[in-house]
Amino acid sequence: MLYFFPPVVEKVKLGAKDAPPTLTHEYDLVKLVALSLIVGSAGPAFLSTAQSRLNSALNAQKAENAVETGKTQVAQVSESAKAAVPGAVQEAVSQHIPSADADTVKAVAAATTASLMSSLEPQVQVARDQIELGAEAAKPAT
């Protein structure tokens, strides 16, 4: 318990004019005895409370990490779709319409990408909002 709640008194001793002051740490005997009595009588309850607080903090951190991972995954899926669509559309147009010139293929790919983005962005935002709502619901009441 002394590690978490040290009953330490800091004393500053002034030195000579040019010497910096020195700082010493000493145990306050009255506080040490009082802390020992309190911890001795309430030790099990205190330790279980400390353990539950640590577990709560750990669970909150795990939930926060899960939220960040979810947001990252949604962003990666969105970026993967944005990156994959133009090439796939250009390839499909070239295969199915061999007479299409390069400008037409690029225009179709750009239009398809724009259409995808306009429908994908609201979906991505809904997923992010649901992740946030899940995180808020999982937070312990304070």
N, C-alpha and C. Protein backbone atom coordinates (compact mmCIF):
# COMPACT_ATOMS: atom_id res chain seq x y z
N MET A 1 0.82 -1.19 0.00
CA MET A 1 0.00 0.00 0.00
C MET A 1 0.87 1.26 0.00
N LEU A 2 2.06 1.13 0.56
CA LEU A 2 2.95 2.29 0.59
C LEU A 2 3.32 2.74 -0.82
N TYR A 3 3.29 1.82 -1.76
CA TYR A 3 3.59 2.19 -3.12
C TYR A 3 2.51 3.11 -3.70
N PHE A 4 1.24 2.76 -3.43
CA PHE A 4 0.13 3.54 -3.98
C PHE A 4 -0.17 4.81 -3.19
N PHE A 5 -0.05 4.71 -1.88
CA PHE A 5 -0.37 5.85 -1.01
C PHE A 5 0.77 6.12 -0.04
N PRO A 6 1.88 6.60 -0.51
CA PRO A 6 3.00 6.82 0.40
C PRO A 6 2.74 8.02 1.32
N PRO A 7 2.86 7.82 2.64
CA PRO A 7 2.68 8.94 3.57
C PRO A 7 3.99 9.73 3.68
N VAL A 8 4.37 10.35 2.61
CA VAL A 8 5.66 11.02 2.51
C VAL A 8 5.50 12.51 2.71
N VAL A 9 6.45 13.06 3.44
CA VAL A 9 6.51 14.51 3.62
C VAL A 9 7.76 14.98 2.90
N GLU A 10 7.60 15.99 2.06
CA GLU A 10 8.75 16.54 1.35
C GLU A 10 9.25 17.76 2.12
N LYS A 11 10.54 17.80 2.35
CA LYS A 11 11.14 18.93 3.04
C LYS A 11 12.19 19.56 2.14
N VAL A 12 12.16 20.86 2.07
CA VAL A 12 13.13 21.61 1.27
C VAL A 12 14.08 22.30 2.23
N LYS A 13 15.37 22.02 2.03
CA LYS A 13 16.39 22.67 2.85
C LYS A 13 17.15 23.65 1.96
N LEU A 14 17.19 24.87 2.42
CA LEU A 14 17.90 25.90 1.68
C LEU A 14 19.39 25.81 2.00
N GLY A 15 20.21 25.90 0.97
CA GLY A 15 21.65 25.83 1.15
C GLY A 15 22.24 27.23 1.18
N ALA A 16 23.51 27.30 0.88
CA ALA A 16 24.20 28.59 0.82
C ALA A 16 23.63 29.39 -0.35
N LYS A 17 24.15 30.59 -0.53
CA LYS A 17 23.63 31.48 -1.57
C LYS A 17 23.65 30.84 -2.95
N ASP A 18 24.76 30.23 -3.31
CA ASP A 18 24.93 29.68 -4.66
C ASP A 18 24.46 28.23 -4.76
N ALA A 19 24.25 27.56 -3.66
CA ALA A 19 23.87 26.15 -3.68
C ALA A 19 22.36 26.04 -3.89
N PRO A 20 21.94 25.08 -4.70
CA PRO A 20 20.50 24.89 -4.91
C PRO A 20 19.88 24.25 -3.66
N PRO A 21 18.61 24.48 -3.44
CA PRO A 21 17.96 23.85 -2.29
C PRO A 21 17.89 22.33 -2.49
N THR A 22 17.91 21.59 -1.40
CA THR A 22 17.82 20.13 -1.47
C THR A 22 16.43 19.71 -1.02
N LEU A 23 15.93 18.68 -1.66
CA LEU A 23 14.61 18.17 -1.37
C LEU A 23 14.75 16.78 -0.76
N THR A 24 14.17 16.57 0.42
CA THR A 24 14.23 15.26 1.07
C THR A 24 12.82 14.73 1.24
N HIS A 25 12.71 13.42 1.20
CA HIS A 25 11.42 12.74 1.37
C HIS A 25 11.53 11.89 2.64
N GLU A 26 10.58 12.08 3.54
CA GLU A 26 10.56 11.32 4.79
C GLU A 26 9.14 10.82 5.03
N TYR A 27 9.05 9.65 5.67
CA TYR A 27 7.74 9.13 6.06
C TYR A 27 7.22 9.91 7.26
N ASP A 28 5.93 10.23 7.20
CA ASP A 28 5.25 10.83 8.35
C ASP A 28 4.74 9.68 9.20
N LEU A 29 5.29 9.52 10.39
CA LEU A 29 4.98 8.37 11.25
C LEU A 29 3.50 8.29 11.58
N VAL A 30 2.85 9.40 11.84
CA VAL A 30 1.42 9.40 12.18
C VAL A 30 0.61 8.89 10.99
N LYS A 31 0.92 9.38 9.81
CA LYS A 31 0.20 8.94 8.62
C LYS A 31 0.50 7.47 8.32
N LEU A 32 1.72 7.03 8.56
CA LEU A 32 2.10 5.65 8.32
C LEU A 32 1.32 4.70 9.22
N VAL A 33 1.20 5.04 10.50
CA VAL A 33 0.46 4.20 11.44
C VAL A 33 -1.03 4.19 11.08
N ALA A 34 -1.57 5.37 10.76
CA ALA A 34 -2.99 5.44 10.40
C ALA A 34 -3.27 4.63 9.13
N LEU A 35 -2.42 4.75 8.15
CA LEU A 35 -2.59 3.98 6.92
C LEU A 35 -2.49 2.49 7.20
N SER A 36 -1.57 2.09 8.04
CA SER A 36 -1.43 0.67 8.38
C SER A 36 -2.68 0.13 9.05
N LEU A 37 -3.24 0.90 9.98
CA LEU A 37 -4.47 0.47 10.67
C LEU A 37 -5.64 0.36 9.70
N ILE A 38 -5.79 1.35 8.85
CA ILE A 38 -6.90 1.34 7.90
C ILE A 38 -6.77 0.18 6.93
N VAL A 39 -5.59 0.00 6.37
CA VAL A 39 -5.38 -1.06 5.40
C VAL A 39 -5.52 -2.42 6.07
N GLY A 40 -5.03 -2.53 7.28
CA GLY A 40 -5.15 -3.81 7.98
C GLY A 40 -6.58 -4.20 8.27
N SER A 41 -7.41 -3.24 8.64
CA SER A 41 -8.79 -3.56 8.97
C SER A 41 -9.69 -3.66 7.74
N ALA A 42 -9.39 -2.90 6.74
CA ALA A 42 -10.24 -2.89 5.55
C ALA A 42 -9.51 -3.45 4.34
N GLY A 43 -8.47 -4.20 4.56
CA GLY A 43 -7.64 -4.71 3.47
C GLY A 43 -8.38 -5.46 2.39
N PRO A 44 -9.14 -6.51 2.75
CA PRO A 44 -9.81 -7.28 1.69
C PRO A 44 -10.78 -6.44 0.86
N ALA A 45 -11.56 -5.60 1.53
CA ALA A 45 -12.51 -4.77 0.79
C ALA A 45 -11.76 -3.77 -0.08
N PHE A 46 -10.70 -3.21 0.46
CA PHE A 46 -9.91 -2.24 -0.29
C PHE A 46 -9.29 -2.90 -1.52
N LEU A 47 -8.72 -4.08 -1.34
CA LEU A 47 -8.09 -4.77 -2.46
C LEU A 47 -9.10 -5.17 -3.52
N SER A 48 -10.29 -5.64 -3.11
CA SER A 48 -11.30 -6.00 -4.11
C SER A 48 -11.80 -4.76 -4.84
N THR A 49 -11.91 -3.63 -4.15
CA THR A 49 -12.31 -2.39 -4.81
C THR A 49 -11.25 -1.95 -5.80
N ALA A 50 -10.00 -2.02 -5.41
CA ALA A 50 -8.91 -1.65 -6.31
C ALA A 50 -8.89 -2.57 -7.53
N GLN A 51 -9.12 -3.86 -7.29
CA GLN A 51 -9.15 -4.81 -8.39
C GLN A 51 -10.31 -4.52 -9.34
N SER A 52 -11.48 -4.22 -8.81
CA SER A 52 -12.62 -3.94 -9.69
C SER A 52 -12.40 -2.66 -10.48
N ARG A 53 -11.76 -1.67 -9.86
CA ARG A 53 -11.47 -0.43 -10.61
C ARG A 53 -10.47 -0.70 -11.73
N LEU A 54 -9.46 -1.51 -11.44
CA LEU A 54 -8.49 -1.84 -12.48
C LEU A 54 -9.14 -2.63 -13.61
N ASN A 55 -10.02 -3.57 -13.24
CA ASN A 55 -10.74 -4.34 -14.27
C ASN A 55 -11.64 -3.44 -15.11
N SER A 56 -12.30 -2.49 -14.47
CA SER A 56 -13.16 -1.56 -15.20
C SER A 56 -12.34 -0.72 -16.17
N ALA A 57 -11.20 -0.24 -15.71
CA ALA A 57 -10.33 0.55 -16.58
C ALA A 57 -9.82 -0.29 -17.75
N LEU A 58 -9.48 -1.53 -17.47
CA LEU A 58 -9.00 -2.42 -18.53
C LEU A 58 -10.10 -2.70 -19.54
N ASN A 59 -11.32 -2.96 -19.06
CA ASN A 59 -12.44 -3.22 -19.97
C ASN A 59 -12.77 -1.99 -20.80
N ALA A 60 -12.68 -0.81 -20.19
CA ALA A 60 -12.93 0.42 -20.95
C ALA A 60 -11.89 0.59 -22.04
N GLN A 61 -10.65 0.28 -21.72
CA GLN A 61 -9.58 0.38 -22.72
C GLN A 61 -9.80 -0.64 -23.84
N LYS A 62 -10.22 -1.85 -23.49
CA LYS A 62 -10.50 -2.86 -24.51
C LYS A 62 -11.63 -2.40 -25.42
N ALA A 63 -12.68 -1.82 -24.83
CA ALA A 63 -13.80 -1.33 -25.63
C ALA A 63 -13.35 -0.20 -26.56
N GLU A 64 -12.53 0.70 -26.04
CA GLU A 64 -12.03 1.80 -26.86
C GLU A 64 -11.17 1.27 -28.01
N ASN A 65 -10.35 0.27 -27.73
CA ASN A 65 -9.53 -0.33 -28.78
C ASN A 65 -10.41 -1.01 -29.84
N ALA A 66 -11.49 -1.67 -29.39
CA ALA A 66 -12.40 -2.32 -30.33
C ALA A 66 -13.09 -1.29 -31.21
N VAL A 67 -13.46 -0.15 -30.64
CA VAL A 67 -14.09 0.91 -31.42
C VAL A 67 -13.13 1.44 -32.46
N GLU A 68 -11.91 1.71 -32.05
CA GLU A 68 -10.91 2.22 -33.00
C GLU A 68 -10.62 1.20 -34.09
N THR A 69 -10.56 -0.07 -33.72
CA THR A 69 -10.34 -1.13 -34.72
C THR A 69 -11.50 -1.19 -35.70
N GLY A 70 -12.72 -1.07 -35.19
CA GLY A 70 -13.90 -1.07 -36.06
C GLY A 70 -13.88 0.10 -37.03
N LYS A 71 -13.57 1.28 -36.52
CA LYS A 71 -13.50 2.46 -37.39
C LYS A 71 -12.42 2.28 -38.47
N THR A 72 -11.29 1.74 -38.07
CA THR A 72 -10.20 1.51 -39.02
C THR A 72 -10.61 0.51 -40.09
N GLN A 73 -11.29 -0.56 -39.66
CA GLN A 73 -11.72 -1.58 -40.62
C GLN A 73 -12.73 -1.01 -41.61
N VAL A 74 -13.67 -0.20 -41.14
CA VAL A 74 -14.65 0.41 -42.03
C VAL A 74 -13.95 1.32 -43.03
N ALA A 75 -12.99 2.10 -42.55
CA ALA A 75 -12.25 2.99 -43.44
C ALA A 75 -11.45 2.19 -44.47
N GLN A 76 -10.86 1.08 -44.05
CA GLN A 76 -10.09 0.26 -44.99
C GLN A 76 -10.97 -0.38 -46.05
N VAL A 77 -12.15 -0.83 -45.65
CA VAL A 77 -13.08 -1.41 -46.63
C VAL A 77 -13.50 -0.36 -47.64
N SER A 78 -13.79 0.84 -47.14
CA SER A 78 -14.18 1.93 -48.03
C SER A 78 -13.06 2.28 -49.01
N GLU A 79 -11.85 2.40 -48.49
CA GLU A 79 -10.71 2.73 -49.35
C GLU A 79 -10.41 1.61 -50.34
N SER A 80 -10.58 0.37 -49.92
CA SER A 80 -10.37 -0.76 -50.84
C SER A 80 -11.36 -0.72 -51.99
N ALA A 81 -12.61 -0.41 -51.67
CA ALA A 81 -13.64 -0.32 -52.72
C ALA A 81 -13.31 0.82 -53.68
N LYS A 82 -12.91 1.97 -53.10
CA LYS A 82 -12.56 3.12 -53.95
C LYS A 82 -11.40 2.78 -54.89
N ALA A 83 -10.44 2.02 -54.39
CA ALA A 83 -9.26 1.69 -55.18
C ALA A 83 -9.55 0.60 -56.22
N ALA A 84 -10.43 -0.35 -55.88
CA ALA A 84 -10.65 -1.50 -56.76
C ALA A 84 -11.62 -1.21 -57.90
N VAL A 85 -12.58 -0.35 -57.68
CA VAL A 85 -13.65 -0.15 -58.66
C VAL A 85 -13.14 0.40 -60.00
N PRO A 86 -12.34 1.44 -60.04
CA PRO A 86 -11.95 1.97 -61.36
C PRO A 86 -11.26 0.94 -62.25
N GLY A 87 -10.34 0.18 -61.69
CA GLY A 87 -9.64 -0.83 -62.48
C GLY A 87 -10.57 -1.93 -62.94
N ALA A 88 -11.46 -2.36 -62.06
CA ALA A 88 -12.40 -3.43 -62.42
C ALA A 88 -13.37 -2.97 -63.50
N VAL A 89 -13.84 -1.73 -63.41
CA VAL A 89 -14.77 -1.21 -64.41
C VAL A 89 -14.06 -1.05 -65.76
N GLN A 90 -12.85 -0.53 -65.73
CA GLN A 90 -12.10 -0.37 -66.99
C GLN A 90 -11.89 -1.73 -67.66
N GLU A 91 -11.55 -2.71 -66.86
CA GLU A 91 -11.33 -4.06 -67.41
C GLU A 91 -12.62 -4.64 -67.98
N ALA A 92 -13.73 -4.47 -67.25
CA ALA A 92 -15.01 -5.02 -67.71
C ALA A 92 -15.48 -4.32 -68.99
N VAL A 93 -15.33 -3.00 -69.03
CA VAL A 93 -15.75 -2.26 -70.24
C VAL A 93 -14.89 -2.69 -71.42
N SER A 94 -13.59 -2.81 -71.20
CA SER A 94 -12.68 -3.22 -72.29
C SER A 94 -13.01 -4.61 -72.81
N GLN A 95 -13.41 -5.52 -71.94
CA GLN A 95 -13.73 -6.89 -72.35
C GLN A 95 -15.08 -6.96 -73.07
N HIS A 96 -16.06 -6.23 -72.56
CA HIS A 96 -17.41 -6.37 -73.09
C HIS A 96 -17.71 -5.39 -74.23
N ILE A 97 -16.96 -4.32 -74.29
CA ILE A 97 -17.13 -3.35 -75.38
C ILE A 97 -15.74 -3.08 -75.97
N PRO A 98 -15.27 -4.01 -76.78
CA PRO A 98 -13.91 -3.86 -77.32
C PRO A 98 -13.74 -2.62 -78.21
N SER A 99 -14.82 -2.11 -78.76
CA SER A 99 -14.73 -0.96 -79.65
C SER A 99 -14.63 0.37 -78.90
N ALA A 100 -14.78 0.35 -77.56
CA ALA A 100 -14.72 1.60 -76.78
C ALA A 100 -13.30 2.12 -76.74
N ASP A 101 -13.17 3.43 -76.95
CA ASP A 101 -11.83 4.02 -76.90
C ASP A 101 -11.41 4.26 -75.44
N ALA A 102 -10.16 4.59 -75.23
CA ALA A 102 -9.60 4.74 -73.87
C ALA A 102 -10.30 5.84 -73.08
N ASP A 103 -10.66 6.94 -73.74
CA ASP A 103 -11.34 8.04 -73.04
C ASP A 103 -12.72 7.61 -72.56
N THR A 104 -13.42 6.84 -73.37
CA THR A 104 -14.75 6.34 -72.97
C THR A 104 -14.63 5.40 -71.79
N VAL A 105 -13.64 4.51 -71.83
CA VAL A 105 -13.42 3.56 -70.73
C VAL A 105 -13.12 4.32 -69.44
N LYS A 106 -12.27 5.33 -69.53
CA LYS A 106 -11.94 6.12 -68.34
C LYS A 106 -13.14 6.89 -67.83
N ALA A 107 -13.94 7.42 -68.74
CA ALA A 107 -15.13 8.18 -68.34
C ALA A 107 -16.14 7.27 -67.64
N VAL A 108 -16.34 6.08 -68.17
CA VAL A 108 -17.27 5.13 -67.53
C VAL A 108 -16.74 4.74 -66.15
N ALA A 109 -15.43 4.50 -66.04
CA ALA A 109 -14.84 4.14 -64.75
C ALA A 109 -14.99 5.29 -63.76
N ALA A 110 -14.78 6.51 -64.20
CA ALA A 110 -14.91 7.66 -63.31
C ALA A 110 -16.36 7.84 -62.85
N ALA A 111 -17.30 7.68 -63.79
CA ALA A 111 -18.71 7.83 -63.44
C ALA A 111 -19.14 6.72 -62.46
N THR A 112 -18.66 5.52 -62.70
CA THR A 112 -18.99 4.41 -61.80
C THR A 112 -18.41 4.64 -60.41
N THR A 113 -17.19 5.12 -60.37
CA THR A 113 -16.55 5.41 -59.08
C THR A 113 -17.29 6.50 -58.33
N ALA A 114 -17.70 7.55 -59.04
CA ALA A 114 -18.45 8.62 -58.40
C ALA A 114 -19.79 8.12 -57.86
N SER A 115 -20.45 7.26 -58.64
CA SER A 115 -21.72 6.68 -58.21
C SER A 115 -21.52 5.80 -56.98
N LEU A 116 -20.47 5.02 -57.01
CA LEU A 116 -20.17 4.16 -55.86
C LEU A 116 -19.92 5.00 -54.61
N MET A 117 -19.13 6.06 -54.76
CA MET A 117 -18.79 6.90 -53.61
C MET A 117 -20.03 7.58 -53.04
N SER A 118 -20.93 8.02 -53.91
CA SER A 118 -22.12 8.69 -53.41
C SER A 118 -23.03 7.74 -52.65
N SER A 119 -23.01 6.46 -53.00
CA SER A 119 -23.83 5.51 -52.25
C SER A 119 -23.05 4.85 -51.11
N LEU A 120 -21.72 4.80 -51.21
CA LEU A 120 -20.92 4.15 -50.19
C LEU A 120 -20.69 5.04 -48.97
N GLU A 121 -20.47 6.33 -49.17
CA GLU A 121 -20.18 7.23 -48.05
C GLU A 121 -21.28 7.25 -46.99
N PRO A 122 -22.57 7.33 -47.36
CA PRO A 122 -23.60 7.26 -46.30
C PRO A 122 -23.57 5.93 -45.55
N GLN A 123 -23.28 4.84 -46.25
CA GLN A 123 -23.20 3.53 -45.60
C GLN A 123 -22.04 3.50 -44.61
N VAL A 124 -20.91 4.07 -45.01
CA VAL A 124 -19.74 4.12 -44.14
C VAL A 124 -20.05 4.97 -42.91
N GLN A 125 -20.73 6.09 -43.11
CA GLN A 125 -21.08 6.96 -41.98
C GLN A 125 -22.04 6.26 -41.03
N VAL A 126 -22.99 5.51 -41.56
CA VAL A 126 -23.92 4.75 -40.71
C VAL A 126 -23.14 3.72 -39.90
N ALA A 127 -22.18 3.05 -40.53
CA ALA A 127 -21.38 2.06 -39.80
C ALA A 127 -20.57 2.72 -38.70
N ARG A 128 -19.98 3.88 -38.98
CA ARG A 128 -19.23 4.61 -37.94
C ARG A 128 -20.15 5.03 -36.80
N ASP A 129 -21.33 5.52 -37.14
CA ASP A 129 -22.28 5.94 -36.11
C ASP A 129 -22.71 4.76 -35.24
N GLN A 130 -22.92 3.61 -35.86
CA GLN A 130 -23.30 2.43 -35.09
C GLN A 130 -22.17 1.98 -34.19
N ILE A 131 -20.95 2.09 -34.65
CA ILE A 131 -19.80 1.75 -33.81
C ILE A 131 -19.76 2.68 -32.60
N GLU A 132 -19.97 3.98 -32.84
CA GLU A 132 -19.98 4.96 -31.75
C GLU A 132 -21.11 4.67 -30.75
N LEU A 133 -22.30 4.37 -31.27
CA LEU A 133 -23.44 4.06 -30.39
C LEU A 133 -23.16 2.81 -29.55
N GLY A 134 -22.55 1.82 -30.18
CA GLY A 134 -22.19 0.61 -29.44
C GLY A 134 -21.18 0.90 -28.35
N ALA A 135 -20.23 1.78 -28.66
CA ALA A 135 -19.22 2.14 -27.68
C ALA A 135 -19.85 2.91 -26.52
N GLU A 136 -20.78 3.81 -26.81
CA GLU A 136 -21.45 4.58 -25.76
C GLU A 136 -22.29 3.65 -24.87
N ALA A 137 -22.96 2.68 -25.49
CA ALA A 137 -23.78 1.75 -24.72
C ALA A 137 -22.93 0.84 -23.84
N ALA A 138 -21.72 0.53 -24.29
CA ALA A 138 -20.84 -0.38 -23.54
C ALA A 138 -20.11 0.32 -22.40
N LYS A 139 -20.10 1.65 -22.40
CA LYS A 139 -19.39 2.36 -21.33
C LYS A 139 -20.11 2.14 -20.01
N PRO A 140 -19.31 1.92 -18.95
CA PRO A 140 -19.93 1.77 -17.64
C PRO A 140 -20.49 3.10 -17.14
N ALA A 141 -21.55 3.04 -16.39
CA ALA A 141 -22.15 4.26 -15.83
C ALA A 141 -21.24 4.81 -14.76
N THR A 142 -21.06 6.13 -14.78
CA THR A 142 -20.20 6.76 -13.77
C THR A 142 -21.01 7.59 -12.83
